[in-house]
């Protein structure tokens, strides 16, 4: 197998689109050689623990309602072109995602990491749920097959907070400064929401490199 390390944040719209495109390519090539691992990266590491109102935050950032609507329209158009159900207006809050990244880490210990990333992104971008809320995170974990009681106890503790922060610092020190970032075989870097056909080419190249016994 060939490692595919993915640095992402569930509240990043490009991460959501990028994962959807990658999923389509992997589904079309079920014999792909990738062993996928997801890594934490917070778009807004200084976000208050309770999050903020999304519209107000973006309006202050971009300074103009028309400009903000143009940006959202672009996302809607790109999502539609890629067959992805997504409306940037659906989420009402921008959460602090540190706990969401802890949940992804714990899911990984149970072999459910990609499933958890999918569940968190769907909860946020499709259902508009606040994935900074501990009850919501426990709900998502239970729906993904994890033990709700265990997750609730972990979320109420400081378990692995330092580890997640350390992993994110390490990513930034390695040069990751935007997401999604895809690192193939610890050598080749792809940034942004790459189209399925590019992933198809990458899969073909990596499969040939891995050889028939991969």
Foldseek 3Di string as FASTA:
>chain_A
DWEKEWEDFLLDLQQVLQVLQLVVLCVVPVVFPYDYDYAYAWPCQPAPLAFAFPVVVVCVVVVDPVVVVVVQVVSVVVCVVQVHDFGNVLAGTDHNCLLLRVLLVVCVVVVCNVVSSVLSNCCCGVVNDHCSDQVVVLVSCVVSPHDSVVSSVCSVDCPCSVVNVVRNVVCVVVPDDDDGWIQINVHDIDHTRDHNVVVNVVRVVVDVVVDPVD
